[in-house]
């Protein structure tokens, strides 16, 4: 019977010792209320926890920056680079086109017939050789060693939030990188289809998107001048 109804209840039986009514019939109701409150609180905790996990996977609010971005690939992948000094079977092959974005979502691509030669460098923020080479490339771009008629594009890949020098967006901004920038996805798809074996990794493409040269490691200014000469000759 509903407790809101005004029908009178029978008097509670007297307690044998003091003659006062017992409260035994109320105990089950109190226990039920406690159980209901516990279930509600547990549900709230579970929902809050799930919400926190989803939020943690998103870029920081208001930054507009993502350290990895989705990429799409068109064309056949290059073979893995065999190393400096070895015969490279991908010389003359058409490189796949990779379409993606920069850290801020700006569209960027590598490969394809653009009408201009390009020099693409794949870097990892935790790689000490990349951290040494990128400032040199910035300097060589500024002093004309890498002329403006050659597109220069960095590809940030192999991002690890627990590794040194994270995040890569802050690192490249700090060293003054002003040229093209493509952010690889979490699986390193762009690096994989270009045949990356180690960092830093250079791929020189002619105006039609064909591979002119590939190299790994820190390149000297003279090395870069040689690469530029090959690109301009093509």
C-alpha atoms as a PDB file:
ATOM      1  CA  UNK A   1       0.000   0.000   0.000  1.00  0.00           C
ATOM      2  CA  UNK A   2       1.401   3.405  -0.900  1.00  0.00           C
ATOM      3  CA  UNK A   3       2.844   5.439   2.016  1.00  0.00           C
ATOM      4  CA  UNK A   4       1.116   8.560   0.606  1.00  0.00           C
ATOM      5  CA  UNK A   5      -2.338   7.151   1.187  1.00  0.00           C
ATOM      6  CA  UNK A   6      -4.062   8.372   4.361  1.00  0.00           C
ATOM      7  CA  UNK A   7      -5.363   4.950   5.428  1.00  0.00           C
ATOM      8  CA  UNK A   8      -4.349   4.316   9.045  1.00  0.00           C
ATOM      9  CA  UNK A   9      -1.917   1.505   9.869  1.00  0.00           C
ATOM     10  CA  UNK A  10      -2.281  -0.982  12.746  1.00  0.00           C
ATOM     11  CA  UNK A  11      -0.354   0.003  15.833  1.00  0.00           C
ATOM     12  CA  UNK A  12       3.083  -1.506  16.154  1.00  0.00           C
ATOM     13  CA  UNK A  13       3.373  -4.295  18.713  1.00  0.00           C
ATOM     14  CA  UNK A  14       4.696  -3.272  22.093  1.00  0.00           C
ATOM     15  CA  UNK A  15       8.268  -4.028  23.019  1.00  0.00           C
ATOM     16  CA  UNK A  16       8.321  -6.540  25.817  1.00  0.00           C
ATOM     17  CA  UNK A  17      10.896  -4.616  27.863  1.00  0.00           C
ATOM     18  CA  UNK A  18       9.795  -1.012  27.565  1.00  0.00           C
ATOM     19  CA  UNK A  19       6.443  -1.092  25.971  1.00  0.00           C
ATOM     20  CA  UNK A  20       7.647   1.076  23.043  1.00  0.00           C
ATOM     21  CA  UNK A  21       6.864   0.215  19.410  1.00  0.00           C
ATOM     22  CA  UNK A  22       9.599  -1.663  17.582  1.00  0.00           C
ATOM     23  CA  UNK A  23      11.236  -0.340  14.373  1.00  0.00           C
ATOM     24  CA  UNK A  24      12.093  -3.693  12.845  1.00  0.00           C
ATOM     25  CA  UNK A  25       9.758  -3.191   9.902  1.00  0.00           C
ATOM     26  CA  UNK A  26      11.673  -0.044   8.828  1.00  0.00           C
ATOM     27  CA  UNK A  27      15.074  -1.712   8.538  1.00  0.00           C
ATOM     28  CA  UNK A  28      14.448  -3.402   5.176  1.00  0.00           C
ATOM     29  CA  UNK A  29      13.339  -0.053   3.692  1.00  0.00           C
ATOM     30  CA  UNK A  30      16.493   1.700   4.925  1.00  0.00           C
ATOM     31  CA  UNK A  31      18.652  -1.060   3.463  1.00  0.00           C
ATOM     32  CA  UNK A  32      16.919  -0.745   0.083  1.00  0.00           C
ATOM     33  CA  UNK A  33      17.455   3.025   0.048  1.00  0.00           C
ATOM     34  CA  UNK A  34      21.164   2.597   0.830  1.00  0.00           C
ATOM     35  CA  UNK A  35      21.520   0.042  -1.964  1.00  0.00           C
ATOM     36  CA  UNK A  36      19.779   2.335  -4.467  1.00  0.00           C
ATOM     37  CA  UNK A  37      22.046   5.260  -3.563  1.00  0.00           C
ATOM     38  CA  UNK A  38      25.146   3.033  -3.936  1.00  0.00           C
ATOM     39  CA  UNK A  39      24.064   1.881  -7.406  1.00  0.00           C
ATOM     40  CA  UNK A  40      23.412   5.463  -8.533  1.00  0.00           C
ATOM     41  CA  UNK A  41      26.825   6.613  -7.277  1.00  0.00           C
ATOM     42  CA  UNK A  42      28.577   3.672  -8.957  1.00  0.00           C
ATOM     43  CA  UNK A  43      26.850   4.462 -12.251  1.00  0.00           C
ATOM     44  CA  UNK A  44      27.951   8.089 -12.016  1.00  0.00           C
ATOM     45  CA  UNK A  45      31.560   7.031 -11.411  1.00  0.00           C
ATOM     46  CA  UNK A  46      31.528   4.688 -14.428  1.00  0.00           C
ATOM     47  CA  UNK A  47      30.055   7.352 -16.709  1.00  0.00           C
ATOM     48  CA  UNK A  48      32.568   9.952 -15.519  1.00  0.00           C
ATOM     49  CA  UNK A  49      35.470   7.547 -16.077  1.00  0.00           C
ATOM     50  CA  UNK A  50      34.367   6.748 -19.622  1.00  0.00           C
ATOM     51  CA  UNK A  51      34.019  10.442 -20.361  1.00  0.00           C
ATOM     52  CA  UNK A  52      37.538  11.110 -19.115  1.00  0.00           C
ATOM     53  CA  UNK A  53      39.000   8.388 -21.381  1.00  0.00           C
ATOM     54  CA  UNK A  54      37.285   9.841 -24.452  1.00  0.00           C
ATOM     55  CA  UNK A  55      38.456  13.351 -23.630  1.00  0.00           C
ATOM     56  CA  UNK A  56      42.052  12.227 -23.137  1.00  0.00           C
ATOM     57  CA  UNK A  57      42.213  11.012 -26.732  1.00  0.00           C
ATOM     58  CA  UNK A  58      41.333  14.457 -28.115  1.00  0.00           C
ATOM     59  CA  UNK A  59      43.718  17.396 -28.763  1.00  0.00           C
ATOM     60  CA  UNK A  60      44.048  19.827 -25.871  1.00  0.00           C
ATOM     61  CA  UNK A  61      41.101  22.204 -25.772  1.00  0.00           C
ATOM     62  CA  UNK A  62      41.714  25.446 -27.622  1.00  0.00           C
ATOM     63  CA  UNK A  63      45.125  24.489 -29.010  1.00  0.00           C
ATOM     64  CA  UNK A  64      43.960  23.444 -32.493  1.00  0.00           C
ATOM     65  CA  UNK A  65      47.040  21.206 -32.681  1.00  0.00           C
ATOM     66  CA  UNK A  66      47.176  17.452 -33.304  1.00  0.00           C
ATOM     67  CA  UNK A  67      50.519  15.645 -33.125  1.00  0.00           C
ATOM     68  CA  UNK A  68      49.287  12.902 -35.483  1.00  0.00           C
ATOM     69  CA  UNK A  69      46.947  13.320 -38.435  1.00  0.00           C
ATOM     70  CA  UNK A  70      45.200  10.944 -40.849  1.00  0.00           C
ATOM     71  CA  UNK A  71      46.833  10.437 -44.244  1.00  0.00           C
ATOM     72  CA  UNK A  72      45.688   8.903 -47.513  1.00  0.00           C
ATOM     73  CA  UNK A  73      47.980   7.238 -50.064  1.00  0.00           C
ATOM     74  CA  UNK A  74      47.592   7.044 -53.827  1.00  0.00           C
ATOM     75  CA  UNK A  75      50.007   4.923 -55.841  1.00  0.00           C
ATOM     76  CA  UNK A  76      52.429   2.103 -55.207  1.00  0.00           C
ATOM     77  CA  UNK A  77      54.817   2.229 -52.230  1.00  0.00           C
ATOM     78  CA  UNK A  78      58.551   2.554 -52.732  1.00  0.00           C
ATOM     79  CA  UNK A  79      60.861  -0.287 -51.750  1.00  0.00           C
ATOM     80  CA  UNK A  80      62.660   0.088 -48.444  1.00  0.00           C
ATOM     81  CA  UNK A  81      65.787   2.164 -48.910  1.00  0.00           C
ATOM     82  CA  UNK A  82      68.807  -0.211 -48.877  1.00  0.00           C
ATOM     83  CA  UNK A  83      71.178   2.343 -47.346  1.00  0.00           C
ATOM     84  CA  UNK A  84      73.647   4.987 -48.461  1.00  0.00           C
ATOM     85  CA  UNK A  85      76.068   3.722 -51.090  1.00  0.00           C
ATOM     86  CA  UNK A  86      73.920   0.789 -52.176  1.00  0.00           C
ATOM     87  CA  UNK A  87      71.950   0.408 -55.395  1.00  0.00           C
ATOM     88  CA  UNK A  88      68.524   1.924 -54.898  1.00  0.00           C
ATOM     89  CA  UNK A  89      65.859   0.131 -56.990  1.00  0.00           C
ATOM     90  CA  UNK A  90      63.409   3.015 -56.478  1.00  0.00           C
ATOM     91  CA  UNK A  91      65.491   5.572 -58.405  1.00  0.00           C
ATOM     92  CA  UNK A  92      63.326   6.729 -61.302  1.00  0.00           C
ATOM     93  CA  UNK A  93      60.151   5.251 -59.782  1.00  0.00           C
ATOM     94  CA  UNK A  94      57.100   7.429 -59.272  1.00  0.00           C
ATOM     95  CA  UNK A  95      56.638   8.064 -55.563  1.00  0.00           C
ATOM     96  CA  UNK A  96      53.184   7.599 -54.057  1.00  0.00           C
ATOM     97  CA  UNK A  97      51.137  10.689 -53.349  1.00  0.00           C
ATOM     98  CA  UNK A  98      50.439  11.169 -49.646  1.00  0.00           C
ATOM     99  CA  UNK A  99      47.718  13.641 -48.736  1.00  0.00           C
ATOM    100  CA  UNK A 100      47.503  14.814 -45.154  1.00  0.00           C
ATOM    101  CA  UNK A 101      47.649  17.844 -42.898  1.00  0.00           C
ATOM    102  CA  UNK A 102      49.952  19.941 -40.787  1.00  0.00           C
ATOM    103  CA  UNK A 103      49.698  20.125 -37.002  1.00  0.00           C
ATOM    104  CA  UNK A 104      47.009  22.799 -37.297  1.00  0.00           C
ATOM    105  CA  UNK A 105      45.026  20.975 -39.987  1.00  0.00           C
ATOM    106  CA  UNK A 106      46.433  22.855 -42.972  1.00  0.00           C
ATOM    107  CA  UNK A 107      46.316  20.549 -46.048  1.00  0.00           C
ATOM    108  CA  UNK A 108      49.713  19.249 -47.201  1.00  0.00           C
ATOM    109  CA  UNK A 109      50.865  16.561 -49.616  1.00  0.00           C
ATOM    110  CA  UNK A 110      54.041  14.964 -50.886  1.00  0.00           C
ATOM    111  CA  UNK A 111      54.618  13.303 -54.239  1.00  0.00           C
ATOM    112  CA  UNK A 112      52.844  13.800 -57.538  1.00  0.00           C
ATOM    113  CA  UNK A 113      53.555  15.895 -60.606  1.00  0.00           C
ATOM    114  CA  UNK A 114      53.704  19.381 -59.101  1.00  0.00           C
ATOM    115  CA  UNK A 115      55.857  21.028 -61.744  1.00  0.00           C
ATOM    116  CA  UNK A 116      58.563  21.696 -59.137  1.00  0.00           C
ATOM    117  CA  UNK A 117      61.252  19.440 -57.650  1.00  0.00           C
ATOM    118  CA  UNK A 118      60.989  18.731 -53.938  1.00  0.00           C
ATOM    119  CA  UNK A 119      63.137  17.561 -51.063  1.00  0.00           C
ATOM    120  CA  UNK A 120      61.246  15.611 -48.408  1.00  0.00           C
ATOM    121  CA  UNK A 121      62.793  14.871 -45.008  1.00  0.00           C
ATOM    122  CA  UNK A 122      61.218  12.411 -42.563  1.00  0.00           C
ATOM    123  CA  UNK A 123      62.005  13.181 -38.931  1.00  0.00           C
ATOM    124  CA  UNK A 124      61.177  11.860 -35.458  1.00  0.00           C
ATOM    125  CA  UNK A 125      61.140  14.304 -32.530  1.00  0.00           C
ATOM    126  CA  UNK A 126      63.076  11.876 -30.283  1.00  0.00           C
ATOM    127  CA  UNK A 127      65.868  11.254 -32.844  1.00  0.00           C
ATOM    128  CA  UNK A 128      69.064  13.171 -31.902  1.00  0.00           C
ATOM    129  CA  UNK A 129      70.251  13.234 -35.528  1.00  0.00           C
ATOM    130  CA  UNK A 130      66.949  14.815 -36.604  1.00  0.00           C
ATOM    131  CA  UNK A 131      67.245  17.393 -33.853  1.00  0.00           C
ATOM    132  CA  UNK A 132      70.704  18.281 -35.149  1.00  0.00           C
ATOM    133  CA  UNK A 133      69.755  18.308 -38.845  1.00  0.00           C
ATOM    134  CA  UNK A 134      66.518  20.290 -38.854  1.00  0.00           C
ATOM    135  CA  UNK A 135      68.109  23.582 -37.645  1.00  0.00           C
ATOM    136  CA  UNK A 136      70.748  23.175 -40.373  1.00  0.00           C
ATOM    137  CA  UNK A 137      68.054  22.792 -43.019  1.00  0.00           C
ATOM    138  CA  UNK A 138      66.390  25.947 -41.706  1.00  0.00           C
ATOM    139  CA  UNK A 139      69.728  27.748 -42.006  1.00  0.00           C
ATOM    140  CA  UNK A 140      70.483  26.350 -45.472  1.00  0.00           C
ATOM    141  CA  UNK A 141      67.064  27.391 -46.684  1.00  0.00           C
ATOM    142  CA  UNK A 142      67.662  30.904 -45.385  1.00  0.00           C
ATOM    143  CA  UNK A 143      71.136  31.273 -46.935  1.00  0.00           C
ATOM    144  CA  UNK A 144      70.075  29.910 -50.334  1.00  0.00           C
ATOM    145  CA  UNK A 145      71.802  26.531 -50.158  1.00  0.00           C
ATOM    146  CA  UNK A 146      68.309  25.103 -50.760  1.00  0.00           C
ATOM    147  CA  UNK A 147      66.866  27.531 -53.305  1.00  0.00           C
ATOM    148  CA  UNK A 148      63.256  28.644 -53.321  1.00  0.00           C
ATOM    149  CA  UNK A 149      62.514  26.835 -56.598  1.00  0.00           C
ATOM    150  CA  UNK A 150      62.788  23.529 -54.693  1.00  0.00           C
ATOM    151  CA  UNK A 151      59.941  22.651 -52.333  1.00  0.00           C
ATOM    152  CA  UNK A 152      61.186  21.604 -48.906  1.00  0.00           C
ATOM    153  CA  UNK A 153      58.807  19.470 -46.833  1.00  0.00           C
ATOM    154  CA  UNK A 154      59.314  17.895 -43.410  1.00  0.00           C
ATOM    155  CA  UNK A 155      57.267  14.854 -42.422  1.00  0.00           C
ATOM    156  CA  UNK A 156      56.836  14.403 -38.674  1.00  0.00           C
ATOM    157  CA  UNK A 157      56.457  10.704 -37.943  1.00  0.00           C
ATOM    158  CA  UNK A 158      56.980   8.058 -35.220  1.00  0.00           C
ATOM    159  CA  UNK A 159      55.443  10.282 -32.545  1.00  0.00           C
ATOM    160  CA  UNK A 160      55.760   8.963 -28.980  1.00  0.00           C
ATOM    161  CA  UNK A 161      54.297  11.040 -26.174  1.00  0.00           C
ATOM    162  CA  UNK A 162      56.627   9.474 -23.588  1.00  0.00           C
ATOM    163  CA  UNK A 163      59.791   9.983 -25.674  1.00  0.00           C
ATOM    164  CA  UNK A 164      62.179  12.970 -25.443  1.00  0.00           C
ATOM    165  CA  UNK A 165      61.489  16.282 -27.147  1.00  0.00           C
ATOM    166  CA  UNK A 166      57.715  15.806 -27.247  1.00  0.00           C
ATOM    167  CA  UNK A 167      55.620  17.343 -28.729  1.00  0.00           C
ATOM    168  CA  UNK A 168      57.058  17.640 -32.250  1.00  0.00           C
ATOM    169  CA  UNK A 169      54.839  20.639 -33.032  1.00  0.00           C
ATOM    170  CA  UNK A 170      56.573  22.689 -30.315  1.00  0.00           C
ATOM    171  CA  UNK A 171      60.027  21.496 -31.394  1.00  0.00           C
ATOM    172  CA  UNK A 172      59.593  22.424 -35.073  1.00  0.00           C
ATOM    173  CA  UNK A 173      58.095  25.762 -34.122  1.00  0.00           C
ATOM    174  CA  UNK A 174      60.991  26.475 -31.758  1.00  0.00           C
ATOM    175  CA  UNK A 175      63.636  25.830 -34.435  1.00  0.00           C
ATOM    176  CA  UNK A 176      61.801  28.099 -36.866  1.00  0.00           C
ATOM    177  CA  UNK A 177      60.596  25.616 -39.461  1.00  0.00           C
ATOM    178  CA  UNK A 178      58.721  27.684 -42.062  1.00  0.00           C
ATOM    179  CA  UNK A 179      58.494  25.302 -45.014  1.00  0.00           C
ATOM    180  CA  UNK A 180      56.051  22.540 -45.891  1.00  0.00           C
ATOM    181  CA  UNK A 181      54.985  20.196 -43.098  1.00  0.00           C
ATOM    182  CA  UNK A 182      53.045  16.949 -43.200  1.00  0.00           C
ATOM    183  CA  UNK A 183      52.069  15.082 -40.030  1.00  0.00           C
ATOM    184  CA  UNK A 184      52.084  11.296 -40.328  1.00  0.00           C
ATOM    185  CA  UNK A 185      49.435   9.101 -38.734  1.00  0.00           C
ATOM    186  CA  UNK A 186      49.967   6.947 -35.645  1.00  0.00           C
ATOM    187  CA  UNK A 187      50.916   3.941 -37.793  1.00  0.00           C
ATOM    188  CA  UNK A 188      53.653   5.785 -39.701  1.00  0.00           C
ATOM    189  CA  UNK A 189      51.884   5.195 -43.025  1.00  0.00           C
ATOM    190  CA  UNK A 190      53.616   7.994 -44.952  1.00  0.00           C
ATOM    191  CA  UNK A 191      57.058   6.871 -43.768  1.00  0.00           C
ATOM    192  CA  UNK A 192      56.271   3.265 -44.624  1.00  0.00           C
ATOM    193  CA  UNK A 193      55.158   3.849 -48.213  1.00  0.00           C
ATOM    194  CA  UNK A 194      58.284   5.945 -48.847  1.00  0.00           C
ATOM    195  CA  UNK A 195      60.532   3.097 -47.682  1.00  0.00           C
ATOM    196  CA  UNK A 196      61.961   4.693 -44.546  1.00  0.00           C
ATOM    197  CA  UNK A 197      64.678   2.616 -42.822  1.00  0.00           C
ATOM    198  CA  UNK A 198      65.957   5.137 -40.230  1.00  0.00           C
ATOM    199  CA  UNK A 199      66.016   8.851 -39.302  1.00  0.00           C
ATOM    200  CA  UNK A 200      66.467  11.398 -40.680  1.00  0.00           C
ATOM    201  CA  UNK A 201      65.458  10.152 -44.109  1.00  0.00           C
ATOM    202  CA  UNK A 202      65.656  12.238 -47.291  1.00  0.00           C
ATOM    203  CA  UNK A 203      63.753  11.657 -50.528  1.00  0.00           C
ATOM    204  CA  UNK A 204      64.420  13.959 -53.508  1.00  0.00           C
ATOM    205  CA  UNK A 205      61.698  14.056 -56.168  1.00  0.00           C
ATOM    206  CA  UNK A 206      61.734  15.671 -59.592  1.00  0.00           C
ATOM    207  CA  UNK A 207      58.959  17.880 -60.964  1.00  0.00           C
ATOM    208  CA  UNK A 208      57.042  14.786 -62.124  1.00  0.00           C
ATOM    209  CA  UNK A 209      57.218  13.124 -58.711  1.00  0.00           C
ATOM    210  CA  UNK A 210      59.902  10.580 -59.617  1.00  0.00           C
ATOM    211  CA  UNK A 211      62.617   9.589 -57.167  1.00  0.00           C
ATOM    212  CA  UNK A 212      65.957  11.236 -57.926  1.00  0.00           C
ATOM    213  CA  UNK A 213      67.792  10.303 -54.736  1.00  0.00           C
ATOM    214  CA  UNK A 214      67.259   8.851 -51.260  1.00  0.00           C
ATOM    215  CA  UNK A 215      69.595   9.144 -48.262  1.00  0.00           C
ATOM    216  CA  UNK A 216      69.629   8.645 -44.503  1.00  0.00           C
ATOM    217  CA  UNK A 217      71.484  10.271 -41.635  1.00  0.00           C
ATOM    218  CA  UNK A 218      72.814  13.763 -41.142  1.00  0.00           C
ATOM    219  CA  UNK A 219      73.744  15.361 -44.469  1.00  0.00           C
ATOM    220  CA  UNK A 220      76.407  18.055 -44.699  1.00  0.00           C
ATOM    221  CA  UNK A 221      75.972  21.315 -46.536  1.00  0.00           C
ATOM    222  CA  UNK A 222      78.033  19.851 -49.386  1.00  0.00           C
ATOM    223  CA  UNK A 223      75.722  16.824 -49.487  1.00  0.00           C
ATOM    224  CA  UNK A 224      72.691  19.094 -49.748  1.00  0.00           C
ATOM    225  CA  UNK A 225      74.339  21.097 -52.511  1.00  0.00           C
ATOM    226  CA  UNK A 226      74.895  17.863 -54.434  1.00  0.00           C
ATOM    227  CA  UNK A 227      71.229  16.892 -53.997  1.00  0.00           C
ATOM    228  CA  UNK A 228      70.132  20.345 -55.181  1.00  0.00           C
ATOM    229  CA  UNK A 229      72.391  20.004 -58.217  1.00  0.00           C
ATOM    230  CA  UNK A 230      70.747  16.711 -59.149  1.00  0.00           C
ATOM    231  CA  UNK A 231      67.272  18.145 -58.745  1.00  0.00           C
ATOM    232  CA  UNK A 232      68.035  21.212 -60.821  1.00  0.00           C
ATOM    233  CA  UNK A 233      69.699  19.117 -63.530  1.00  0.00           C
ATOM    234  CA  UNK A 234      66.576  16.982 -63.875  1.00  0.00           C
END
